[in-house]
Amino acid sequence: MLLRRIARPLFASWFVSQGLDALRQPAGHAQVMRDGLDGLRSRVPGTARASAPAPVGKALDGDVSDKQLAMLAQAHGAAMLVAGTMLAVGRAPRTAALALAGLTVPLVLVNLPLSRRGALTPAEKKARTERLVRALSFTGGAVLAGVDLEGRPGVSWRVQHAMVDRAAVKAARAAEAAKHVDG
């Protein structure tokens, strides 16, 4: 449908631009990640941080360098760029959209309006809230794009109807076999 051919690239443009920005300027994204981790750290009890798996516990304890965060931001940006491009050009669009939905979850987490040092300034809080709402909106849109069947039946419908068809064939064969036995 023509609408999907226009809407998908428009929708994917935000993901592609965010991915490119993270690849080109990872320091800014790493700082947002650092601020988000610091905010989460202040809210997560020490016992929970200690019992968390190694990478998560290490990140929440602040044992992650700026270089590591920058590399993580670049990797995340590259994944967003690839999935966004796939969605835009229509290659495995459902898979790409669901991948983008998963890739926006970290954006939601790091943009929660939490601060490590008390209250955020009103400008910082507003900026974080805007980024949070934007990430939530794009997550929802990506989920919708990911479940779009383009008018074709989904896997569950196909399986259900295949089982009904198989049962009908089996019943027809049984009736045919009974007819030959009786006749």
N, C-alpha and C. Protein backbone atom coordinates (compact mmCIF):
# COMPACT_ATOMS: atom_id res chain seq x y z
N MET A 1 0.84 -1.18 0.00
CA MET A 1 0.00 0.00 0.00
C MET A 1 0.89 1.24 0.00
N LEU A 2 0.44 2.22 -0.72
CA LEU A 2 1.21 3.45 -0.88
C LEU A 2 1.44 4.17 0.45
N LEU A 3 0.44 4.14 1.31
CA LEU A 3 0.56 4.82 2.60
C LEU A 3 1.73 4.27 3.42
N ARG A 4 1.89 2.95 3.44
CA ARG A 4 3.00 2.35 4.19
C ARG A 4 4.35 2.74 3.58
N ARG A 5 4.39 2.82 2.27
CA ARG A 5 5.65 3.18 1.60
C ARG A 5 6.08 4.61 1.91
N ILE A 6 5.13 5.45 2.24
CA ILE A 6 5.44 6.82 2.61
C ILE A 6 5.66 6.94 4.12
N ALA A 7 4.80 6.29 4.90
CA ALA A 7 4.82 6.44 6.36
C ALA A 7 6.05 5.79 7.00
N ARG A 8 6.46 4.64 6.52
CA ARG A 8 7.60 3.96 7.14
C ARG A 8 8.88 4.78 7.09
N PRO A 9 9.27 5.32 5.94
CA PRO A 9 10.48 6.15 5.94
C PRO A 9 10.35 7.40 6.81
N LEU A 10 9.16 7.99 6.83
CA LEU A 10 8.96 9.16 7.69
C LEU A 10 9.13 8.79 9.15
N PHE A 11 8.54 7.68 9.55
CA PHE A 11 8.65 7.23 10.94
C PHE A 11 10.09 6.83 11.27
N ALA A 12 10.75 6.16 10.35
CA ALA A 12 12.11 5.68 10.59
C ALA A 12 13.13 6.81 10.64
N SER A 13 12.78 7.97 10.10
CA SER A 13 13.75 9.07 10.03
C SER A 13 14.26 9.49 11.41
N TRP A 14 13.41 9.46 12.43
CA TRP A 14 13.86 9.83 13.78
C TRP A 14 14.91 8.83 14.28
N PHE A 15 14.66 7.55 14.09
CA PHE A 15 15.60 6.52 14.54
C PHE A 15 16.93 6.64 13.80
N VAL A 16 16.85 6.86 12.49
CA VAL A 16 18.07 7.00 11.70
C VAL A 16 18.86 8.22 12.15
N SER A 17 18.18 9.34 12.37
CA SER A 17 18.90 10.56 12.79
C SER A 17 19.50 10.38 14.18
N GLN A 18 18.80 9.73 15.09
CA GLN A 18 19.35 9.48 16.43
C GLN A 18 20.56 8.54 16.35
N GLY A 19 20.46 7.51 15.50
CA GLY A 19 21.58 6.59 15.34
C GLY A 19 22.81 7.27 14.77
N LEU A 20 22.60 8.09 13.74
CA LEU A 20 23.73 8.84 13.16
C LEU A 20 24.35 9.79 14.18
N ASP A 21 23.51 10.47 14.93
CA ASP A 21 24.02 11.41 15.93
C ASP A 21 24.85 10.68 16.99
N ALA A 22 24.38 9.51 17.42
CA ALA A 22 25.13 8.74 18.41
C ALA A 22 26.46 8.24 17.85
N LEU A 23 26.48 7.91 16.57
CA LEU A 23 27.74 7.47 15.94
C LEU A 23 28.72 8.62 15.80
N ARG A 24 28.21 9.77 15.42
CA ARG A 24 29.08 10.92 15.16
C ARG A 24 29.51 11.64 16.44
N GLN A 25 28.63 11.75 17.40
CA GLN A 25 28.91 12.50 18.63
C GLN A 25 28.56 11.65 19.86
N PRO A 26 29.32 10.62 20.13
CA PRO A 26 28.97 9.72 21.23
C PRO A 26 29.13 10.35 22.61
N ALA A 27 29.95 11.38 22.74
CA ALA A 27 30.19 11.96 24.06
C ALA A 27 28.92 12.52 24.68
N GLY A 28 28.12 13.21 23.90
CA GLY A 28 26.87 13.76 24.42
C GLY A 28 25.91 12.67 24.86
N HIS A 29 25.83 11.60 24.07
CA HIS A 29 24.96 10.48 24.43
C HIS A 29 25.50 9.75 25.65
N ALA A 30 26.82 9.66 25.75
CA ALA A 30 27.42 9.02 26.92
C ALA A 30 27.12 9.82 28.18
N GLN A 31 27.11 11.14 28.08
CA GLN A 31 26.80 11.97 29.24
C GLN A 31 25.34 11.78 29.68
N VAL A 32 24.44 11.68 28.72
CA VAL A 32 23.03 11.41 29.05
C VAL A 32 22.91 10.06 29.73
N MET A 33 23.67 9.07 29.23
CA MET A 33 23.67 7.75 29.86
C MET A 33 24.22 7.83 31.28
N ARG A 34 25.29 8.57 31.45
CA ARG A 34 25.90 8.73 32.78
C ARG A 34 24.89 9.37 33.75
N ASP A 35 24.23 10.43 33.31
CA ASP A 35 23.23 11.10 34.16
C ASP A 35 22.08 10.16 34.50
N GLY A 36 21.63 9.38 33.51
CA GLY A 36 20.56 8.43 33.76
C GLY A 36 20.98 7.34 34.74
N LEU A 37 22.20 6.83 34.56
CA LEU A 37 22.70 5.82 35.48
C LEU A 37 22.86 6.37 36.89
N ASP A 38 23.33 7.62 37.00
CA ASP A 38 23.47 8.24 38.32
C ASP A 38 22.11 8.40 38.98
N GLY A 39 21.09 8.77 38.21
CA GLY A 39 19.75 8.90 38.75
C GLY A 39 19.20 7.56 39.21
N LEU A 40 19.43 6.51 38.40
CA LEU A 40 18.98 5.18 38.81
C LEU A 40 19.74 4.70 40.04
N ARG A 41 21.05 4.98 40.09
CA ARG A 41 21.87 4.56 41.21
C ARG A 41 21.34 5.13 42.53
N SER A 42 20.90 6.38 42.48
CA SER A 42 20.41 7.00 43.71
C SER A 42 19.09 6.38 44.16
N ARG A 43 18.37 5.71 43.27
CA ARG A 43 17.08 5.13 43.61
C ARG A 43 17.14 3.63 43.91
N VAL A 44 18.20 2.96 43.45
CA VAL A 44 18.32 1.51 43.65
C VAL A 44 19.12 1.24 44.92
N PRO A 45 18.55 0.46 45.85
CA PRO A 45 19.29 0.16 47.08
C PRO A 45 20.59 -0.59 46.81
N GLY A 46 21.56 -0.42 47.68
CA GLY A 46 22.87 -1.06 47.53
C GLY A 46 22.78 -2.57 47.48
N THR A 47 21.86 -3.17 48.24
CA THR A 47 21.73 -4.63 48.22
C THR A 47 21.25 -5.12 46.87
N ALA A 48 20.36 -4.37 46.24
CA ALA A 48 19.88 -4.76 44.91
C ALA A 48 20.99 -4.60 43.88
N ARG A 49 21.80 -3.55 44.02
CA ARG A 49 22.92 -3.37 43.08
C ARG A 49 23.92 -4.50 43.24
N ALA A 50 24.16 -4.93 44.48
CA ALA A 50 25.13 -6.00 44.72
C ALA A 50 24.67 -7.33 44.16
N SER A 51 23.36 -7.56 44.17
CA SER A 51 22.84 -8.84 43.69
C SER A 51 22.54 -8.83 42.19
N ALA A 52 22.70 -7.70 41.54
CA ALA A 52 22.44 -7.61 40.09
C ALA A 52 23.54 -8.34 39.31
N PRO A 53 23.23 -8.80 38.09
CA PRO A 53 24.27 -9.42 37.26
C PRO A 53 25.43 -8.46 37.05
N ALA A 54 26.59 -9.01 36.76
CA ALA A 54 27.83 -8.24 36.70
C ALA A 54 27.76 -6.95 35.87
N PRO A 55 27.33 -6.99 34.61
CA PRO A 55 27.35 -5.73 33.84
C PRO A 55 26.41 -4.67 34.43
N VAL A 56 25.23 -5.09 34.88
CA VAL A 56 24.26 -4.14 35.43
C VAL A 56 24.75 -3.60 36.76
N GLY A 57 25.20 -4.48 37.62
CA GLY A 57 25.71 -4.05 38.93
C GLY A 57 26.91 -3.13 38.78
N LYS A 58 27.79 -3.45 37.85
CA LYS A 58 28.97 -2.62 37.60
C LYS A 58 28.56 -1.23 37.12
N ALA A 59 27.59 -1.19 36.22
CA ALA A 59 27.12 0.10 35.70
C ALA A 59 26.46 0.92 36.79
N LEU A 60 25.65 0.27 37.63
CA LEU A 60 24.97 1.00 38.69
C LEU A 60 25.92 1.43 39.80
N ASP A 61 27.03 0.74 39.95
CA ASP A 61 28.02 1.14 40.95
C ASP A 61 28.93 2.25 40.44
N GLY A 62 28.80 2.62 39.19
CA GLY A 62 29.60 3.70 38.63
C GLY A 62 30.98 3.27 38.17
N ASP A 63 31.16 1.97 37.93
CA ASP A 63 32.46 1.45 37.50
C ASP A 63 32.61 1.43 35.98
N VAL A 64 31.87 2.26 35.28
CA VAL A 64 31.93 2.30 33.83
C VAL A 64 32.59 3.61 33.42
N SER A 65 33.59 3.51 32.57
CA SER A 65 34.31 4.71 32.15
C SER A 65 33.52 5.46 31.07
N ASP A 66 33.90 6.71 30.86
CA ASP A 66 33.26 7.51 29.81
C ASP A 66 33.52 6.91 28.44
N LYS A 67 34.70 6.33 28.25
CA LYS A 67 35.03 5.70 26.97
C LYS A 67 34.12 4.49 26.72
N GLN A 68 33.86 3.70 27.75
CA GLN A 68 32.98 2.55 27.61
C GLN A 68 31.55 3.01 27.30
N LEU A 69 31.10 4.06 27.97
CA LEU A 69 29.77 4.57 27.70
C LEU A 69 29.67 5.12 26.28
N ALA A 70 30.73 5.77 25.81
CA ALA A 70 30.73 6.30 24.44
C ALA A 70 30.67 5.16 23.43
N MET A 71 31.41 4.08 23.68
CA MET A 71 31.37 2.93 22.77
C MET A 71 29.99 2.28 22.80
N LEU A 72 29.39 2.21 23.97
CA LEU A 72 28.04 1.65 24.09
C LEU A 72 27.04 2.54 23.34
N ALA A 73 27.19 3.85 23.46
CA ALA A 73 26.31 4.78 22.74
C ALA A 73 26.48 4.61 21.22
N GLN A 74 27.70 4.42 20.77
CA GLN A 74 27.93 4.21 19.34
C GLN A 74 27.33 2.88 18.86
N ALA A 75 27.48 1.83 19.65
CA ALA A 75 26.91 0.54 19.27
C ALA A 75 25.38 0.63 19.21
N HIS A 76 24.80 1.29 20.20
CA HIS A 76 23.36 1.48 20.23
C HIS A 76 22.92 2.32 19.02
N GLY A 77 23.68 3.36 18.71
CA GLY A 77 23.37 4.20 17.56
C GLY A 77 23.46 3.43 16.25
N ALA A 78 24.47 2.58 16.13
CA ALA A 78 24.61 1.77 14.91
C ALA A 78 23.43 0.83 14.75
N ALA A 79 23.00 0.21 15.85
CA ALA A 79 21.85 -0.69 15.79
C ALA A 79 20.59 0.07 15.40
N MET A 80 20.40 1.27 15.95
CA MET A 80 19.24 2.08 15.59
C MET A 80 19.30 2.49 14.12
N LEU A 81 20.48 2.84 13.66
CA LEU A 81 20.66 3.24 12.26
C LEU A 81 20.31 2.09 11.33
N VAL A 82 20.81 0.91 11.61
CA VAL A 82 20.56 -0.25 10.74
C VAL A 82 19.08 -0.61 10.75
N ALA A 83 18.49 -0.72 11.94
CA ALA A 83 17.08 -1.09 12.02
C ALA A 83 16.18 -0.02 11.40
N GLY A 84 16.52 1.25 11.64
CA GLY A 84 15.74 2.34 11.04
C GLY A 84 15.83 2.34 9.53
N THR A 85 17.00 2.07 9.00
CA THR A 85 17.17 2.00 7.55
C THR A 85 16.40 0.83 6.97
N MET A 86 16.44 -0.31 7.66
CA MET A 86 15.68 -1.47 7.20
C MET A 86 14.18 -1.17 7.16
N LEU A 87 13.69 -0.49 8.20
CA LEU A 87 12.28 -0.13 8.21
C LEU A 87 11.96 0.85 7.08
N ALA A 88 12.83 1.80 6.87
CA ALA A 88 12.58 2.82 5.84
C ALA A 88 12.53 2.23 4.44
N VAL A 89 13.39 1.27 4.16
CA VAL A 89 13.41 0.69 2.81
C VAL A 89 12.50 -0.53 2.67
N GLY A 90 11.88 -0.94 3.76
CA GLY A 90 10.92 -2.03 3.70
C GLY A 90 11.52 -3.42 3.75
N ARG A 91 12.74 -3.56 4.22
CA ARG A 91 13.38 -4.88 4.38
C ARG A 91 13.07 -5.39 5.78
N ALA A 92 12.35 -6.50 5.86
CA ALA A 92 11.93 -7.08 7.13
C ALA A 92 11.37 -5.99 8.04
N PRO A 93 10.33 -5.29 7.59
CA PRO A 93 9.85 -4.13 8.34
C PRO A 93 9.31 -4.46 9.72
N ARG A 94 8.65 -5.59 9.87
CA ARG A 94 8.12 -5.94 11.20
C ARG A 94 9.25 -6.22 12.17
N THR A 95 10.24 -6.97 11.72
CA THR A 95 11.39 -7.27 12.57
C THR A 95 12.15 -6.00 12.92
N ALA A 96 12.36 -5.15 11.93
CA ALA A 96 13.07 -3.89 12.17
C ALA A 96 12.30 -3.02 13.15
N ALA A 97 10.99 -2.94 12.99
CA ALA A 97 10.19 -2.10 13.90
C ALA A 97 10.22 -2.64 15.32
N LEU A 98 10.14 -3.94 15.49
CA LEU A 98 10.20 -4.51 16.84
C LEU A 98 11.60 -4.33 17.45
N ALA A 99 12.62 -4.41 16.61
CA ALA A 99 13.98 -4.13 17.11
C ALA A 99 14.09 -2.68 17.56
N LEU A 100 13.50 -1.78 16.80
CA LEU A 100 13.53 -0.37 17.19
C LEU A 100 12.76 -0.14 18.49
N ALA A 101 11.66 -0.85 18.67
CA ALA A 101 10.92 -0.74 19.94
C ALA A 101 11.81 -1.18 21.11
N GLY A 102 12.54 -2.27 20.92
CA GLY A 102 13.45 -2.72 21.97
C GLY A 102 14.61 -1.77 22.19
N LEU A 103 15.08 -1.16 21.12
CA LEU A 103 16.20 -0.23 21.22
C LEU A 103 15.82 1.10 21.87
N THR A 104 14.54 1.42 21.92
CA THR A 104 14.14 2.66 22.58
C THR A 104 13.96 2.49 24.08
N VAL A 105 13.91 1.27 24.56
CA VAL A 105 13.77 1.04 26.01
C VAL A 105 14.92 1.68 26.79
N PRO A 106 16.19 1.52 26.37
CA PRO A 106 17.25 2.21 27.10
C PRO A 106 17.10 3.73 27.07
N LEU A 107 16.57 4.27 25.97
CA LEU A 107 16.35 5.71 25.89
C LEU A 107 15.31 6.14 26.92
N VAL A 108 14.30 5.33 27.11
CA VAL A 108 13.29 5.64 28.13
C VAL A 108 13.94 5.62 29.50
N LEU A 109 14.73 4.60 29.77
CA LEU A 109 15.33 4.46 31.10
C LEU A 109 16.29 5.60 31.44
N VAL A 110 17.14 5.98 30.50
CA VAL A 110 18.11 7.03 30.83
C VAL A 110 17.49 8.41 30.86
N ASN A 111 16.29 8.54 30.31
CA ASN A 111 15.64 9.85 30.32
C ASN A 111 14.59 10.00 31.41
N LEU A 112 14.52 9.02 32.30
CA LEU A 112 13.62 9.20 33.44
C LEU A 112 14.06 10.44 34.20
N PRO A 113 13.14 11.29 34.60
CA PRO A 113 13.54 12.54 35.27
C PRO A 113 14.01 12.31 36.71
N LEU A 114 15.11 11.59 36.85
CA LEU A 114 15.73 11.35 38.14
C LEU A 114 17.06 12.07 38.18
N SER A 115 17.48 12.48 39.34
CA SER A 115 18.76 13.17 39.46
C SER A 115 19.56 12.55 40.59
N ARG A 116 20.87 12.55 40.43
CA ARG A 116 21.73 12.00 41.47
C ARG A 116 21.95 12.99 42.60
N ARG A 117 21.82 14.26 42.32
CA ARG A 117 22.08 15.29 43.33
C ARG A 117 20.83 16.10 43.61
N GLY A 118 19.85 15.48 44.21
CA GLY A 118 18.65 16.23 44.54
C GLY A 118 17.83 16.55 43.31
N ALA A 119 17.23 17.71 43.33
CA ALA A 119 16.30 18.10 42.28
C ALA A 119 17.04 18.58 41.03
N LEU A 120 16.42 18.31 39.89
CA LEU A 120 16.93 18.84 38.63
C LEU A 120 16.47 20.29 38.51
N THR A 121 17.20 21.05 37.75
CA THR A 121 16.74 22.41 37.46
C THR A 121 15.49 22.29 36.59
N PRO A 122 14.64 23.30 36.59
CA PRO A 122 13.44 23.21 35.76
C PRO A 122 13.74 22.97 34.28
N ALA A 123 14.79 23.57 33.76
CA ALA A 123 15.14 23.37 32.35
C ALA A 123 15.59 21.93 32.10
N GLU A 124 16.41 21.38 33.01
CA GLU A 124 16.87 20.00 32.85
C GLU A 124 15.69 19.03 32.96
N LYS A 125 14.81 19.29 33.91
CA LYS A 125 13.65 18.42 34.08
C LYS A 125 12.75 18.47 32.86
N LYS A 126 12.54 19.65 32.31
CA LYS A 126 11.71 19.78 31.11
C LYS A 126 12.33 19.06 29.92
N ALA A 127 13.65 19.22 29.74
CA ALA A 127 14.34 18.56 28.63
C ALA A 127 14.27 17.04 28.77
N ARG A 128 14.48 16.55 29.98
CA ARG A 128 14.41 15.09 30.20
C ARG A 128 13.00 14.58 29.98
N THR A 129 12.03 15.32 30.47
CA THR A 129 10.64 14.89 30.29
C THR A 129 10.28 14.86 28.82
N GLU A 130 10.71 15.84 28.06
CA GLU A 130 10.44 15.85 26.62
C GLU A 130 11.10 14.67 25.93
N ARG A 131 12.35 14.36 26.30
CA ARG A 131 13.03 13.21 25.70
C ARG A 131 12.34 11.91 26.10
N LEU A 132 11.86 11.85 27.34
CA LEU A 132 11.16 10.65 27.82
C LEU A 132 9.86 10.45 27.04
N VAL A 133 9.07 11.48 26.90
CA VAL A 133 7.80 11.38 26.18
C VAL A 133 8.06 11.03 24.72
N ARG A 134 9.07 11.62 24.13
CA ARG A 134 9.42 11.32 22.73
C ARG A 134 9.81 9.85 22.59
N ALA A 135 10.64 9.36 23.49
CA ALA A 135 11.07 7.96 23.42
C ALA A 135 9.88 7.02 23.63
N LEU A 136 9.00 7.35 24.57
CA LEU A 136 7.81 6.52 24.79
C LEU A 136 6.91 6.52 23.55
N SER A 137 6.75 7.68 22.94
CA SER A 137 5.91 7.79 21.74
C SER A 137 6.48 6.94 20.60
N PHE A 138 7.77 7.04 20.39
CA PHE A 138 8.38 6.27 19.31
C PHE A 138 8.40 4.78 19.63
N THR A 139 8.47 4.42 20.90
CA THR A 139 8.37 3.00 21.26
C THR A 139 6.99 2.48 20.89
N GLY A 140 5.96 3.23 21.24
CA GLY A 140 4.61 2.82 20.88
C GLY A 140 4.41 2.72 19.39
N GLY A 141 4.91 3.69 18.66
CA GLY A 141 4.80 3.65 17.20
C GLY A 141 5.53 2.47 16.60
N ALA A 142 6.70 2.16 17.14
CA ALA A 142 7.47 1.03 16.63
C ALA A 142 6.75 -0.29 16.92
N VAL A 143 6.12 -0.39 18.08
CA VAL A 143 5.36 -1.61 18.38
C VAL A 143 4.19 -1.74 17.39
N LEU A 144 3.49 -0.65 17.15
CA LEU A 144 2.40 -0.69 16.17
C LEU A 144 2.90 -1.09 14.78
N ALA A 145 4.00 -0.52 14.36
CA ALA A 145 4.57 -0.88 13.05
C ALA A 145 5.02 -2.33 13.04
N GLY A 146 5.48 -2.82 14.18
CA GLY A 146 5.95 -4.20 14.25
C GLY A 146 4.84 -5.23 14.19
N VAL A 147 3.65 -4.87 14.61
CA VAL A 147 2.54 -5.83 14.57
C VAL A 147 1.64 -5.62 13.35
N ASP A 148 1.97 -4.68 12.49
CA ASP A 148 1.21 -4.42 11.28
C ASP A 148 1.37 -5.60 10.33
N LEU A 149 0.28 -6.24 10.00
CA LEU A 149 0.33 -7.42 9.15
C LEU A 149 0.13 -7.08 7.67
N GLU A 150 -0.03 -5.81 7.36
CA GLU A 150 -0.19 -5.35 5.98
C GLU A 150 -1.36 -6.05 5.29
N GLY A 151 -2.41 -6.34 6.04
CA GLY A 151 -3.57 -6.97 5.46
C GLY A 151 -3.44 -8.47 5.27
N ARG A 152 -2.30 -9.02 5.60
CA ARG A 152 -2.09 -10.46 5.46
C ARG A 152 -2.36 -11.12 6.81
N PRO A 153 -2.74 -12.38 6.79
CA PRO A 153 -2.99 -13.07 8.06
C PRO A 153 -1.70 -13.29 8.84
N GLY A 154 -1.82 -13.26 10.15
CA GLY A 154 -0.68 -13.47 11.02
C GLY A 154 -0.38 -14.95 11.21
N VAL A 155 0.67 -15.23 11.92
CA VAL A 155 1.10 -16.61 12.15
C VAL A 155 0.05 -17.38 12.93
N SER A 156 -0.53 -16.78 13.97
CA SER A 156 -1.52 -17.51 14.77
C SER A 156 -2.74 -17.87 13.93
N TRP A 157 -3.19 -16.96 13.07
CA TRP A 157 -4.32 -17.25 12.20
C TRP A 157 -3.97 -18.39 11.25
N ARG A 158 -2.77 -18.33 10.68
CA ARG A 158 -2.34 -19.38 9.74
C ARG A 158 -2.28 -20.73 10.42
N VAL A 159 -1.73 -20.78 11.64
CA VAL A 159 -1.63 -22.04 12.37
C VAL A 159 -3.02 -22.58 12.69
N GLN A 160 -3.90 -21.70 13.17
CA GLN A 160 -5.26 -22.13 13.52
C GLN A 160 -5.98 -22.69 12.30
N HIS A 161 -5.90 -22.00 11.17
CA HIS A 161 -6.58 -22.47 9.98
C HIS A 161 -5.90 -23.70 9.37
N ALA A 162 -4.62 -23.84 9.53
CA ALA A 162 -3.94 -25.05 9.07
C ALA A 162 -4.41 -26.25 9.87
N MET A 163 -4.61 -26.06 11.17
CA MET A 163 -5.10 -27.16 12.01
C MET A 163 -6.53 -27.53 11.62
N VAL A 164 -7.39 -26.56 11.34
CA VAL A 164 -8.76 -26.83 10.91
C VAL A 164 -8.75 -27.55 9.57
N ASP A 165 -7.93 -27.08 8.64
CA ASP A 165 -7.84 -27.72 7.32
C ASP A 165 -7.33 -29.14 7.44
N ARG A 166 -6.35 -29.34 8.30
CA ARG A 166 -5.79 -30.68 8.48
C ARG A 166 -6.84 -31.63 9.08
N ALA A 167 -7.61 -31.12 10.04
CA ALA A 167 -8.66 -31.94 10.63
C ALA A 167 -9.73 -32.29 9.60
N ALA A 168 -10.06 -31.33 8.72
CA ALA A 168 -11.06 -31.59 7.68
C ALA A 168 -10.56 -32.65 6.70
N VAL A 169 -9.30 -32.56 6.31
CA VAL A 169 -8.72 -33.56 5.40
C VAL A 169 -8.70 -34.93 6.07
N LYS A 170 -8.34 -34.96 7.33
CA LYS A 170 -8.30 -36.22 8.07
C LYS A 170 -9.70 -36.83 8.16
N ALA A 171 -10.72 -36.00 8.41
CA ALA A 171 -12.09 -36.49 8.49
C ALA A 171 -12.56 -36.99 7.13
N ALA A 172 -12.20 -36.28 6.07
CA ALA A 172 -12.58 -36.71 4.72
C ALA A 172 -11.93 -38.04 4.37
N ARG A 173 -10.68 -38.21 4.74
CA ARG A 173 -10.00 -39.49 4.48
C ARG A 173 -10.63 -40.62 5.28
N ALA A 174 -10.99 -40.32 6.52
CA ALA A 174 -11.63 -41.35 7.35
C ALA A 174 -12.99 -41.73 6.76
N ALA A 175 -13.74 -40.74 6.27
CA ALA A 175 -15.05 -41.03 5.67
C ALA A 175 -14.87 -41.83 4.39
N GLU A 176 -13.85 -41.47 3.61
CA GLU A 176 -13.56 -42.21 2.37
C GLU A 176 -13.15 -43.63 2.68
N ALA A 177 -12.36 -43.82 3.72
CA ALA A 177 -11.91 -45.17 4.11
C ALA A 177 -13.10 -45.98 4.60
N ALA A 178 -14.01 -45.37 5.36
CA ALA A 178 -15.20 -46.07 5.86
C ALA A 178 -16.12 -46.44 4.71
N LYS A 179 -16.20 -45.59 3.70
CA LYS A 179 -17.03 -45.86 2.53
C LYS A 179 -16.53 -47.07 1.77
N HIS A 180 -15.18 -47.19 1.65
CA HIS A 180 -14.60 -48.33 0.93
C HIS A 180 -14.75 -49.61 1.71
N VAL A 181 -14.71 -49.53 3.04
CA VAL A 181 -14.85 -50.72 3.87
C VAL A 181 -16.30 -51.22 3.80
N ASP A 182 -17.25 -50.30 3.83
CA ASP A 182 -18.67 -50.67 3.80
C ASP A 182 -19.11 -51.10 2.39
N GLY A 183 -18.51 -50.58 1.39
CA GLY A 183 -18.98 -50.77 0.02
C GLY A 183 -18.38 -51.88 -0.68
